[in-house]
Amino acid sequence: METWLPIVIQLVAGALGGNLAGRRGEGAGMGTAGNTLAGAAGGVGLAQLLQLLGLGAGGGGMDLASLLTSILGGGVGGGVLAAIIGALMGGSRRTA
């Protein structure tokens, strides 16, 4: 269970970050499902990369550094990847 908890936290934080970035961007959102999927992928990716670089504890421990790396890395990575994919895809164009 301890090895899966950081990944679940990264997925959730990434999904939240992706949806926040999708709402923030002017016409760059991909919809809720697209932002959630891109955010979850970016969240896990950046959080794992940070752990590989030695920022935060690796190995799925339950210490404070590992949890903060999972939450912050997941949220930021999810937001960044969702924003990049939304900008590249052109997002949902709104005409008003």
PDB file of N, CA and C in Angstrom:
ATOM      1  N   MET A   1       0.820  -1.194   0.000  1.00  0.00           N
ATOM      2  CA  MET A   1       0.000   0.000   0.000  1.00  0.00           C
ATOM      3  C   MET A   1       0.863   1.257   0.000  1.00  0.00           C
ATOM      4  N   GLU A   2       1.994   1.184   0.694  1.00  0.00           N
ATOM      5  CA  GLU A   2       2.856   2.365   0.769  1.00  0.00           C
ATOM      6  C   GLU A   2       3.477   2.718  -0.574  1.00  0.00           C
ATOM      7  N   THR A   3       3.629   1.764  -1.452  1.00  0.00           N
ATOM      8  CA  THR A   3       4.220   2.077  -2.754  1.00  0.00           C
ATOM      9  C   THR A   3       3.202   2.700  -3.700  1.00  0.00           C
ATOM     10  N   TRP A   4       1.920   2.423  -3.512  1.00  0.00           N
ATOM     11  CA  TRP A   4       0.887   2.955  -4.399  1.00  0.00           C
ATOM     12  C   TRP A   4       0.354   4.306  -3.954  1.00  0.00           C
ATOM     13  N   LEU A   5       0.443   4.617  -2.672  1.00  0.00           N
ATOM     14  CA  LEU A   5      -0.123   5.865  -2.169  1.00  0.00           C
ATOM     15  C   LEU A   5       0.496   7.110  -2.806  1.00  0.00           C
ATOM     16  N   PRO A   6       1.818   7.215  -2.951  1.00  0.00           N
ATOM     17  CA  PRO A   6       2.365   8.397  -3.626  1.00  0.00           C
ATOM     18  C   PRO A   6       1.894   8.531  -5.073  1.00  0.00           C
ATOM     19  N   ILE A   7       1.730   7.424  -5.775  1.00  0.00           N
ATOM     20  CA  ILE A   7       1.263   7.490  -7.158  1.00  0.00           C
ATOM     21  C   ILE A   7      -0.183   7.955  -7.220  1.00  0.00           C
ATOM     22  N   VAL A   8      -1.015   7.488  -6.293  1.00  0.00           N
ATOM     23  CA  VAL A   8      -2.404   7.937  -6.242  1.00  0.00           C
ATOM     24  C   VAL A   8      -2.465   9.426  -5.925  1.00  0.00           C
ATOM     25  N   ILE A   9      -1.626   9.876  -4.997  1.00  0.00           N
ATOM     26  CA  ILE A   9      -1.578  11.304  -4.661  1.00  0.00           C
ATOM     27  C   ILE A   9      -1.135  12.116  -5.872  1.00  0.00           C
ATOM     28  N   GLN A  10      -0.152  11.633  -6.614  1.00  0.00           N
ATOM     29  CA  GLN A  10       0.329  12.331  -7.808  1.00  0.00           C
ATOM     30  C   GLN A  10      -0.749  12.391  -8.886  1.00  0.00           C
ATOM     31  N   LEU A  11      -1.496  11.308  -9.061  1.00  0.00           N
ATOM     32  CA  LEU A  11      -2.585  11.301 -10.036  1.00  0.00           C
ATOM     33  C   LEU A  11      -3.661  12.318  -9.683  1.00  0.00           C
ATOM     34  N   VAL A  12      -4.067  12.346  -8.423  1.00  0.00           N
ATOM     35  CA  VAL A  12      -5.119  13.261  -7.987  1.00  0.00           C
ATOM     36  C   VAL A  12      -4.641  14.705  -8.066  1.00  0.00           C
ATOM     37  N   ALA A  13      -3.428  14.968  -7.576  1.00  0.00           N
ATOM     38  CA  ALA A  13      -2.892  16.334  -7.627  1.00  0.00           C
ATOM     39  C   ALA A  13      -2.701  16.783  -9.070  1.00  0.00           C
ATOM     40  N   GLY A  14      -2.251  15.883  -9.932  1.00  0.00           N
ATOM     41  CA  GLY A  14      -2.087  16.218 -11.342  1.00  0.00           C
ATOM     42  C   GLY A  14      -3.414  16.512 -12.014  1.00  0.00           C
ATOM     43  N   ALA A  15      -4.433  15.726 -11.697  1.00  0.00           N
ATOM     44  CA  ALA A  15      -5.760  15.959 -12.272  1.00  0.00           C
ATOM     45  C   ALA A  15      -6.314  17.312 -11.820  1.00  0.00           C
ATOM     46  N   LEU A  16      -6.132  17.636 -10.555  1.00  0.00           N
ATOM     47  CA  LEU A  16      -6.572  18.951 -10.066  1.00  0.00           C
ATOM     48  C   LEU A  16      -5.804  20.080 -10.739  1.00  0.00           C
ATOM     49  N   GLY A  17      -4.488  19.916 -10.842  1.00  0.00           N
ATOM     50  CA  GLY A  17      -3.672  20.929 -11.518  1.00  0.00           C
ATOM     51  C   GLY A  17      -4.034  21.091 -12.977  1.00  0.00           C
ATOM     52  N   GLY A  18      -4.324  19.982 -13.647  1.00  0.00           N
ATOM     53  CA  GLY A  18      -4.717  20.041 -15.052  1.00  0.00           C
ATOM     54  C   GLY A  18      -6.045  20.757 -15.248  1.00  0.00           C
ATOM     55  N   ASN A  19      -6.999  20.501 -14.369  1.00  0.00           N
ATOM     56  CA  ASN A  19      -8.293  21.175 -14.476  1.00  0.00           C
ATOM     57  C   ASN A  19      -8.196  22.653 -14.129  1.00  0.00           C
ATOM     58  N   LEU A  20      -7.370  22.999 -13.157  1.00  0.00           N
ATOM     59  CA  LEU A  20      -7.167  24.415 -12.841  1.00  0.00           C
ATOM     60  C   LEU A  20      -6.514  25.148 -14.006  1.00  0.00           C
ATOM     61  N   ALA A  21      -5.531  24.512 -14.633  1.00  0.00           N
ATOM     62  CA  ALA A  21      -4.870  25.141 -15.784  1.00  0.00           C
ATOM     63  C   ALA A  21      -5.833  25.257 -16.957  1.00  0.00           C
ATOM     64  N   GLY A  22      -6.698  24.268 -17.137  1.00  0.00           N
ATOM     65  CA  GLY A  22      -7.665  24.317 -18.226  1.00  0.00           C
ATOM     66  C   GLY A  22      -8.693  25.422 -18.043  1.00  0.00           C
ATOM     67  N   ARG A  23      -9.072  25.673 -16.823  1.00  0.00           N
ATOM     68  CA  ARG A  23     -10.028  26.759 -16.549  1.00  0.00           C
ATOM     69  C   ARG A  23      -9.371  28.122 -16.644  1.00  0.00           C
ATOM     70  N   ARG A  24      -8.106  28.171 -16.328  1.00  0.00           N
ATOM     71  CA  ARG A  24      -7.363  29.432 -16.301  1.00  0.00           C
ATOM     72  C   ARG A  24      -7.055  29.954 -17.700  1.00  0.00           C
ATOM     73  N   GLY A  25      -6.738  29.047 -18.604  1.00  0.00           N
ATOM     74  CA  GLY A  25      -6.326  29.442 -19.951  1.00  0.00           C
ATOM     75  C   GLY A  25      -7.500  29.955 -20.762  1.00  0.00           C
ATOM     76  N   GLU A  26      -7.296  31.005 -21.465  1.00  0.00           N
ATOM     77  CA  GLU A  26      -8.331  31.577 -22.311  1.00  0.00           C
ATOM     78  C   GLU A  26      -8.461  30.757 -23.584  1.00  0.00           C
ATOM     79  N   GLY A  27      -9.470  29.905 -23.635  1.00  0.00           N
ATOM     80  CA  GLY A  27      -9.702  29.101 -24.828  1.00  0.00           C
ATOM     81  C   GLY A  27      -8.698  27.988 -25.029  1.00  0.00           C
ATOM     82  N   ALA A  28      -7.889  27.680 -24.011  1.00  0.00           N
ATOM     83  CA  ALA A  28      -6.866  26.648 -24.171  1.00  0.00           C
ATOM     84  C   ALA A  28      -7.248  25.357 -23.472  1.00  0.00           C
ATOM     85  N   GLY A  29      -8.472  25.263 -22.958  1.00  0.00           N
ATOM     86  CA  GLY A  29      -8.888  24.060 -22.267  1.00  0.00           C
ATOM     87  C   GLY A  29      -9.272  22.957 -23.237  1.00  0.00           C
ATOM     88  N   MET A  30      -9.166  21.720 -22.795  1.00  0.00           N
ATOM     89  CA  MET A  30      -9.514  20.572 -23.623  1.00  0.00           C
ATOM     90  C   MET A  30     -10.766  19.897 -23.107  1.00  0.00           C
ATOM     91  N   GLY A  31     -11.486  20.544 -22.245  1.00  0.00           N
ATOM     92  CA  GLY A  31     -12.627  19.917 -21.606  1.00  0.00           C
ATOM     93  C   GLY A  31     -12.188  19.241 -20.321  1.00  0.00           C
ATOM     94  N   THR A  32     -13.144  18.888 -19.500  1.00  0.00           N
ATOM     95  CA  THR A  32     -12.816  18.311 -18.204  1.00  0.00           C
ATOM     96  C   THR A  32     -12.071  16.988 -18.328  1.00  0.00           C
ATOM     97  N   ALA A  33     -12.531  16.115 -19.193  1.00  0.00           N
ATOM     98  CA  ALA A  33     -11.884  14.811 -19.329  1.00  0.00           C
ATOM     99  C   ALA A  33     -10.459  14.945 -19.880  1.00  0.00           C
ATOM    100  N   GLY A  34     -10.270  15.775 -20.874  1.00  0.00           N
ATOM    101  CA  GLY A  34      -8.942  15.971 -21.444  1.00  0.00           C
ATOM    102  C   GLY A  34      -7.974  16.595 -20.457  1.00  0.00           C
ATOM    103  N   ASN A  35      -8.448  17.607 -19.727  1.00  0.00           N
ATOM    104  CA  ASN A  35      -7.592  18.243 -18.723  1.00  0.00           C
ATOM    105  C   ASN A  35      -7.244  17.275 -17.599  1.00  0.00           C
ATOM    106  N   THR A  36      -8.210  16.440 -17.213  1.00  0.00           N
ATOM    107  CA  THR A  36      -7.960  15.478 -16.145  1.00  0.00           C
ATOM    108  C   THR A  36      -6.928  14.445 -16.570  1.00  0.00           C
ATOM    109  N   LEU A  37      -7.065  13.903 -17.770  1.00  0.00           N
ATOM    110  CA  LEU A  37      -6.114  12.885 -18.240  1.00  0.00           C
ATOM    111  C   LEU A  37      -4.716  13.460 -18.446  1.00  0.00           C
ATOM    112  N   ALA A  38      -4.642  14.625 -19.077  1.00  0.00           N
ATOM    113  CA  ALA A  38      -3.331  15.248 -19.289  1.00  0.00           C
ATOM    114  C   ALA A  38      -2.704  15.643 -17.959  1.00  0.00           C
ATOM    115  N   GLY A  39      -3.522  16.148 -17.055  1.00  0.00           N
ATOM    116  CA  GLY A  39      -3.017  16.537 -15.742  1.00  0.00           C
ATOM    117  C   GLY A  39      -2.506  15.356 -14.943  1.00  0.00           C
ATOM    118  N   ALA A  40      -3.238  14.251 -14.981  1.00  0.00           N
ATOM    119  CA  ALA A  40      -2.804  13.065 -14.246  1.00  0.00           C
ATOM    120  C   ALA A  40      -1.479  12.535 -14.789  1.00  0.00           C
ATOM    121  N   ALA A  41      -1.344  12.511 -16.104  1.00  0.00           N
ATOM    122  CA  ALA A  41      -0.089  12.040 -16.712  1.00  0.00           C
ATOM    123  C   ALA A  41       1.065  12.974 -16.373  1.00  0.00           C
ATOM    124  N   GLY A  42       0.829  14.268 -16.466  1.00  0.00           N
ATOM    125  CA  GLY A  42       1.878  15.231 -16.129  1.00  0.00           C
ATOM    126  C   GLY A  42       2.230  15.212 -14.663  1.00  0.00           C
ATOM    127  N   GLY A  43       1.227  14.993 -13.827  1.00  0.00           N
ATOM    128  CA  GLY A  43       1.470  14.937 -12.388  1.00  0.00           C
ATOM    129  C   GLY A  43       2.368  13.789 -11.992  1.00  0.00           C
ATOM    130  N   VAL A  44       2.076  12.618 -12.507  1.00  0.00           N
ATOM    131  CA  VAL A  44       2.913  11.459 -12.189  1.00  0.00           C
ATOM    132  C   VAL A  44       4.307  11.643 -12.790  1.00  0.00           C
ATOM    133  N   GLY A  45       4.360  12.158 -14.009  1.00  0.00           N
ATOM    134  CA  GLY A  45       5.658  12.332 -14.673  1.00  0.00           C
ATOM    135  C   GLY A  45       6.595  13.271 -13.946  1.00  0.00           C
ATOM    136  N   LEU A  46       6.097  14.463 -13.594  1.00  0.00           N
ATOM    137  CA  LEU A  46       6.981  15.425 -12.933  1.00  0.00           C
ATOM    138  C   LEU A  46       7.327  14.993 -11.517  1.00  0.00           C
ATOM    139  N   ALA A  47       6.383  14.443 -10.784  1.00  0.00           N
ATOM    140  CA  ALA A  47       6.679  14.007  -9.428  1.00  0.00           C
ATOM    141  C   ALA A  47       7.714  12.884  -9.425  1.00  0.00           C
ATOM    142  N   GLN A  48       7.609  11.958 -10.374  1.00  0.00           N
ATOM    143  CA  GLN A  48       8.605  10.893 -10.462  1.00  0.00           C
ATOM    144  C   GLN A  48       9.972  11.442 -10.871  1.00  0.00           C
ATOM    145  N   LEU A  49       9.970  12.406 -11.780  1.00  0.00           N
ATOM    146  CA  LEU A  49      11.224  13.028 -12.200  1.00  0.00           C
ATOM    147  C   LEU A  49      11.896  13.743 -11.027  1.00  0.00           C
ATOM    148  N   LEU A  50      11.112  14.451 -10.223  1.00  0.00           N
ATOM    149  CA  LEU A  50      11.674  15.127  -9.057  1.00  0.00           C
ATOM    150  C   LEU A  50      12.274  14.139  -8.076  1.00  0.00           C
ATOM    151  N   GLN A  51      11.613  13.004  -7.897  1.00  0.00           N
ATOM    152  CA  GLN A  51      12.160  11.991  -6.998  1.00  0.00           C
ATOM    153  C   GLN A  51      13.438  11.377  -7.563  1.00  0.00           C
ATOM    154  N   LEU A  52      13.506  11.205  -8.871  1.00  0.00           N
ATOM    155  CA  LEU A  52      14.734  10.680  -9.481  1.00  0.00           C
ATOM    156  C   LEU A  52      15.896  11.655  -9.346  1.00  0.00           C
ATOM    157  N   LEU A  53      15.572  12.955  -9.358  1.00  0.00           N
ATOM    158  CA  LEU A  53      16.612  13.972  -9.212  1.00  0.00           C
ATOM    159  C   LEU A  53      17.033  14.172  -7.756  1.00  0.00           C
ATOM    160  N   GLY A  54      16.367  13.475  -6.845  1.00  0.00           N
ATOM    161  CA  GLY A  54      16.738  13.557  -5.447  1.00  0.00           C
ATOM    162  C   GLY A  54      15.982  14.603  -4.661  1.00  0.00           C
ATOM    163  N   LEU A  55      14.988  15.219  -5.251  1.00  0.00           N
ATOM    164  CA  LEU A  55      14.164  16.195  -4.540  1.00  0.00           C
ATOM    165  C   LEU A  55      12.968  15.467  -3.955  1.00  0.00           C
ATOM    166  N   GLY A  56      13.021  15.171  -2.686  1.00  0.00           N
ATOM    167  CA  GLY A  56      11.991  14.358  -2.053  1.00  0.00           C
ATOM    168  C   GLY A  56      12.505  12.945  -1.911  1.00  0.00           C
ATOM    169  N   ALA A  57      11.908  12.231  -1.013  1.00  0.00           N
ATOM    170  CA  ALA A  57      12.360  10.869  -0.749  1.00  0.00           C
ATOM    171  C   ALA A  57      11.791   9.916  -1.784  1.00  0.00           C
ATOM    172  N   GLY A  58      12.603   9.060  -2.292  1.00  0.00           N
ATOM    173  CA  GLY A  58      12.140   8.046  -3.225  1.00  0.00           C
ATOM    174  C   GLY A  58      11.742   6.784  -2.493  1.00  0.00           C
ATOM    175  N   GLY A  59      11.245   5.835  -3.206  1.00  0.00           N
ATOM    176  CA  GLY A  59      10.920   4.552  -2.601  1.00  0.00           C
ATOM    177  C   GLY A  59       9.537   4.470  -2.011  1.00  0.00           C
ATOM    178  N   GLY A  60       8.722   5.477  -2.189  1.00  0.00           N
ATOM    179  CA  GLY A  60       7.352   5.404  -1.717  1.00  0.00           C
ATOM    180  C   GLY A  60       7.202   5.529  -0.216  1.00  0.00           C
ATOM    181  N   GLY A  61       8.126   6.183   0.453  1.00  0.00           N
ATOM    182  CA  GLY A  61       8.014   6.364   1.889  1.00  0.00           C
ATOM    183  C   GLY A  61       6.884   7.306   2.249  1.00  0.00           C
ATOM    184  N   MET A  62       6.502   7.294   3.504  1.00  0.00           N
ATOM    185  CA  MET A  62       5.409   8.138   3.962  1.00  0.00           C
ATOM    186  C   MET A  62       5.912   9.338   4.759  1.00  0.00           C
ATOM    187  N   ASP A  63       7.114   9.797   4.493  1.00  0.00           N
ATOM    188  CA  ASP A  63       7.630  10.951   5.205  1.00  0.00           C
ATOM    189  C   ASP A  63       7.132  12.246   4.564  1.00  0.00           C
ATOM    190  N   LEU A  64       7.376  13.350   5.228  1.00  0.00           N
ATOM    191  CA  LEU A  64       6.860  14.640   4.782  1.00  0.00           C
ATOM    192  C   LEU A  64       7.432  15.066   3.432  1.00  0.00           C
ATOM    193  N   ALA A  65       8.713  14.833   3.203  1.00  0.00           N
ATOM    194  CA  ALA A  65       9.329  15.234   1.934  1.00  0.00           C
ATOM    195  C   ALA A  65       8.720  14.476   0.761  1.00  0.00           C
ATOM    196  N   SER A  66       8.443  13.207   0.934  1.00  0.00           N
ATOM    197  CA  SER A  66       7.845  12.411  -0.130  1.00  0.00           C
ATOM    198  C   SER A  66       6.424  12.867  -0.428  1.00  0.00           C
ATOM    199  N   LEU A  67       5.648  13.156   0.602  1.00  0.00           N
ATOM    200  CA  LEU A  67       4.278  13.627   0.396  1.00  0.00           C
ATOM    201  C   LEU A  67       4.247  14.988  -0.278  1.00  0.00           C
ATOM    202  N   LEU A  68       5.123  15.904   0.149  1.00  0.00           N
ATOM    203  CA  LEU A  68       5.162  17.228  -0.474  1.00  0.00           C
ATOM    204  C   LEU A  68       5.608  17.148  -1.928  1.00  0.00           C
ATOM    205  N   THR A  69       6.577  16.281  -2.209  1.00  0.00           N
ATOM    206  CA  THR A  69       7.016  16.101  -3.588  1.00  0.00           C
ATOM    207  C   THR A  69       5.883  15.560  -4.443  1.00  0.00           C
ATOM    208  N   SER A  70       5.125  14.624  -3.907  1.00  0.00           N
ATOM    209  CA  SER A  70       4.006  14.050  -4.652  1.00  0.00           C
ATOM    210  C   SER A  70       2.917  15.081  -4.903  1.00  0.00           C
ATOM    211  N   ILE A  71       2.574  15.861  -3.898  1.00  0.00           N
ATOM    212  CA  ILE A  71       1.490  16.836  -4.030  1.00  0.00           C
ATOM    213  C   ILE A  71       1.900  18.008  -4.920  1.00  0.00           C
ATOM    214  N   LEU A  72       3.020  18.631  -4.599  1.00  0.00           N
ATOM    215  CA  LEU A  72       3.444  19.809  -5.365  1.00  0.00           C
ATOM    216  C   LEU A  72       3.900  19.443  -6.772  1.00  0.00           C
ATOM    217  N   GLY A  73       4.688  18.403  -6.882  1.00  0.00           N
ATOM    218  CA  GLY A  73       5.142  17.976  -8.208  1.00  0.00           C
ATOM    219  C   GLY A  73       3.983  17.514  -9.069  1.00  0.00           C
ATOM    220  N   GLY A  74       3.039  16.818  -8.466  1.00  0.00           N
ATOM    221  CA  GLY A  74       1.870  16.368  -9.206  1.00  0.00           C
ATOM    222  C   GLY A  74       1.014  17.524  -9.681  1.00  0.00           C
ATOM    223  N   GLY A  75       0.737  18.475  -8.815  1.00  0.00           N
ATOM    224  CA  GLY A  75      -0.095  19.616  -9.202  1.00  0.00           C
ATOM    225  C   GLY A  75       0.547  20.489 -10.260  1.00  0.00           C
ATOM    226  N   VAL A  76       1.812  20.790 -10.077  1.00  0.00           N
ATOM    227  CA  VAL A  76       2.516  21.638 -11.045  1.00  0.00           C
ATOM    228  C   VAL A  76       2.687  20.909 -12.378  1.00  0.00           C
ATOM    229  N   GLY A  77       3.111  19.656 -12.318  1.00  0.00           N
ATOM    230  CA  GLY A  77       3.298  18.885 -13.551  1.00  0.00           C
ATOM    231  C   GLY A  77       2.000  18.712 -14.316  1.00  0.00           C
ATOM    232  N   GLY A  78       0.915  18.475 -13.596  1.00  0.00           N
ATOM    233  CA  GLY A  78      -0.377  18.335 -14.246  1.00  0.00           C
ATOM    234  C   GLY A  78      -0.839  19.617 -14.909  1.00  0.00           C
ATOM    235  N   GLY A  79      -0.648  20.731 -14.221  1.00  0.00           N
ATOM    236  CA  GLY A  79      -1.039  22.017 -14.796  1.00  0.00           C
ATOM    237  C   GLY A  79      -0.220  22.386 -16.010  1.00  0.00           C
ATOM    238  N   VAL A  80       1.073  22.151 -15.937  1.00  0.00           N
ATOM    239  CA  VAL A  80       1.954  22.505 -17.051  1.00  0.00           C
ATOM    240  C   VAL A  80       1.662  21.646 -18.280  1.00  0.00           C
ATOM    241  N   LEU A  81       1.532  20.323 -18.082  1.00  0.00           N
ATOM    242  CA  LEU A  81       1.276  19.461 -19.237  1.00  0.00           C
ATOM    243  C   LEU A  81      -0.092  19.738 -19.854  1.00  0.00           C
ATOM    244  N   ALA A  82      -1.101  19.962 -19.037  1.00  0.00           N
ATOM    245  CA  ALA A  82      -2.434  20.269 -19.570  1.00  0.00           C
ATOM    246  C   ALA A  82      -2.413  21.590 -20.339  1.00  0.00           C
ATOM    247  N   ALA A  83      -1.686  22.582 -19.838  1.00  0.00           N
ATOM    248  CA  ALA A  83      -1.597  23.863 -20.535  1.00  0.00           C
ATOM    249  C   ALA A  83      -0.853  23.730 -21.858  1.00  0.00           C
ATOM    250  N   ILE A  84       0.222  22.946 -21.874  1.00  0.00           N
ATOM    251  CA  ILE A  84       0.987  22.757 -23.106  1.00  0.00           C
ATOM    252  C   ILE A  84       0.157  22.019 -24.151  1.00  0.00           C
ATOM    253  N   ILE A  85      -0.485  20.930 -23.746  1.00  0.00           N
ATOM    254  CA  ILE A  85      -1.292  20.169 -24.705  1.00  0.00           C
ATOM    255  C   ILE A  85      -2.480  20.996 -25.181  1.00  0.00           C
ATOM    256  N   GLY A  86      -3.111  21.743 -24.267  1.00  0.00           N
ATOM    257  CA  GLY A  86      -4.223  22.594 -24.656  1.00  0.00           C
ATOM    258  C   GLY A  86      -3.807  23.668 -25.650  1.00  0.00           C
ATOM    259  N   ALA A  87      -2.636  24.236 -25.439  1.00  0.00           N
ATOM    260  CA  ALA A  87      -2.155  25.277 -26.373  1.00  0.00           C
ATOM    261  C   ALA A  87      -1.796  24.671 -27.732  1.00  0.00           C
ATOM    262  N   LEU A  88      -1.197  23.481 -27.725  1.00  0.00           N
ATOM    263  CA  LEU A  88      -0.834  22.850 -28.985  1.00  0.00           C
ATOM    264  C   LEU A  88      -2.056  22.396 -29.776  1.00  0.00           C
ATOM    265  N   MET A  89      -3.078  21.962 -29.079  1.00  0.00           N
ATOM    266  CA  MET A  89      -4.298  21.500 -29.752  1.00  0.00           C
ATOM    267  C   MET A  89      -5.210  22.664 -30.144  1.00  0.00           C
ATOM    268  N   GLY A  90      -4.931  23.818 -29.659  1.00  0.00           N
ATOM    269  CA  GLY A  90      -5.768  24.963 -29.972  1.00  0.00           C
ATOM    270  C   GLY A  90      -6.917  25.135 -29.001  1.00  0.00           C
ATOM    271  N   GLY A  91      -7.155  24.176 -28.143  1.00  0.00           N
ATOM    272  CA  GLY A  91      -8.185  24.291 -27.130  1.00  0.00           C
ATOM    273  C   GLY A  91      -9.571  24.397 -27.737  1.00  0.00           C
ATOM    274  N   SER A  92     -10.512  24.651 -26.888  1.00  0.00           N
ATOM    275  CA  SER A  92     -11.893  24.828 -27.363  1.00  0.00           C
ATOM    276  C   SER A  92     -12.088  26.306 -27.660  1.00  0.00           C
ATOM    277  N   ARG A  93     -12.218  26.623 -28.894  1.00  0.00           N
ATOM    278  CA  ARG A  93     -12.354  28.016 -29.319  1.00  0.00           C
ATOM    279  C   ARG A  93     -13.737  28.558 -28.959  1.00  0.00           C
ATOM    280  N   ARG A  94     -13.761  29.640 -28.225  1.00  0.00           N
ATOM    281  CA  ARG A  94     -15.025  30.252 -27.849  1.00  0.00           C
ATOM    282  C   ARG A  94     -15.229  31.510 -28.667  1.00  0.00           C
ATOM    283  N   THR A  95     -16.370  31.629 -29.246  1.00  0.00           N
ATOM    284  CA  THR A  95     -16.695  32.847 -29.982  1.00  0.00           C
ATOM    285  C   THR A  95     -17.795  33.568 -29.234  1.00  0.00           C
ATOM    286  N   ALA A  96     -17.544  34.804 -28.926  1.00  0.00           N
ATOM    287  CA  ALA A  96     -18.555  35.555 -28.174  1.00  0.00           C
ATOM    288  C   ALA A  96     -18.780  36.898 -28.808  1.00  0.00           C
TER     289      ALA A  96
END
